[in-house]
Amino acid sequence: MKEIVITLVFMMALLAFAIYPALKLVEFISKKREFTDKMQNILTLVFTITIAFCGALFMKFA
């Protein structure tokens, strides 16, 4: 349980830094396909959380 909490704390710290890459990734994908604004917002949120989580796992295990 302690490891999960530590990983989530790392993730919270990385959320602010993960927004910019997520925005650029969604912008790149939206050039290939048309998305509604709502879908772009959802994709940005999902990519932000995914990037932050991957970064937190990297910080924990590296």
Protein backbone atom coordinates (compact mmCIF):
# COMPACT_ATOMS: atom_id res chain seq x y z
CA MET A 1 0.00 0.00 0.00
CA LYS A 2 2.88 2.34 0.82
CA GLU A 3 4.35 1.89 -2.67
CA ILE A 4 1.04 2.87 -4.29
CA VAL A 5 0.83 6.05 -2.22
CA ILE A 6 4.42 6.99 -3.07
CA THR A 7 3.76 6.44 -6.77
CA LEU A 8 0.63 8.60 -6.62
CA VAL A 9 2.54 11.38 -4.85
CA PHE A 10 5.16 11.30 -7.59
CA MET A 11 2.35 11.38 -10.14
CA MET A 12 0.77 14.47 -8.57
CA ALA A 13 4.09 16.28 -8.84
CA LEU A 14 4.42 15.36 -12.52
CA LEU A 15 0.89 16.32 -13.59
CA ALA A 16 1.81 19.94 -14.22
CA PHE A 17 4.75 18.90 -16.40
CA ALA A 18 2.74 16.31 -18.33
CA ILE A 19 0.15 18.78 -19.65
CA TYR A 20 2.32 20.27 -22.39
CA PRO A 21 3.37 16.95 -24.00
CA ALA A 22 -0.24 15.76 -23.83
CA LEU A 23 -1.47 18.91 -25.57
CA LYS A 24 1.12 18.51 -28.32
CA LEU A 25 0.28 14.82 -28.72
CA VAL A 26 -3.44 15.52 -29.07
CA GLU A 27 -2.67 18.35 -31.50
CA PHE A 28 -0.59 15.95 -33.62
CA ILE A 29 -3.32 13.29 -33.57
CA SER A 30 -6.03 15.82 -34.41
CA LYS A 31 -4.11 16.78 -37.57
CA LYS A 32 -4.62 13.19 -38.75
CA ARG A 33 -8.25 12.85 -37.61
CA GLU A 34 -11.01 15.28 -36.82
CA PHE A 35 -12.18 15.32 -33.20
CA THR A 36 -14.79 17.37 -31.44
CA ASP A 37 -13.66 19.76 -28.73
CA LYS A 38 -15.07 17.46 -26.07
CA MET A 39 -13.11 14.50 -27.44
CA GLN A 40 -9.91 16.57 -27.57
CA ASN A 41 -10.39 17.55 -23.93
CA ILE A 42 -10.93 13.92 -22.91
CA LEU A 43 -7.87 12.78 -24.88
CA THR A 44 -5.76 15.52 -23.32
CA LEU A 45 -6.85 14.46 -19.83
CA VAL A 46 -6.19 10.78 -20.54
CA PHE A 47 -2.76 11.45 -22.05
CA THR A 48 -1.83 13.81 -19.20
CA ILE A 49 -2.67 11.19 -16.58
CA THR A 50 -0.92 8.45 -18.58
CA ILE A 51 2.27 10.46 -19.07
CA ALA A 52 2.35 11.48 -15.40
CA PHE A 53 1.77 7.89 -14.28
CA CYS A 54 4.52 6.56 -16.55
CA GLY A 55 6.88 9.23 -15.24
CA ALA A 56 6.00 8.35 -11.65
CA LEU A 57 6.66 4.67 -12.30
CA PHE A 58 9.97 5.55 -13.89
CA MET A 59 10.94 7.67 -10.87
CA LYS A 60 9.96 4.90 -8.49
CA PHE A 61 11.73 1.99 -10.20
CA ALA A 62 14.72 3.75 -11.74
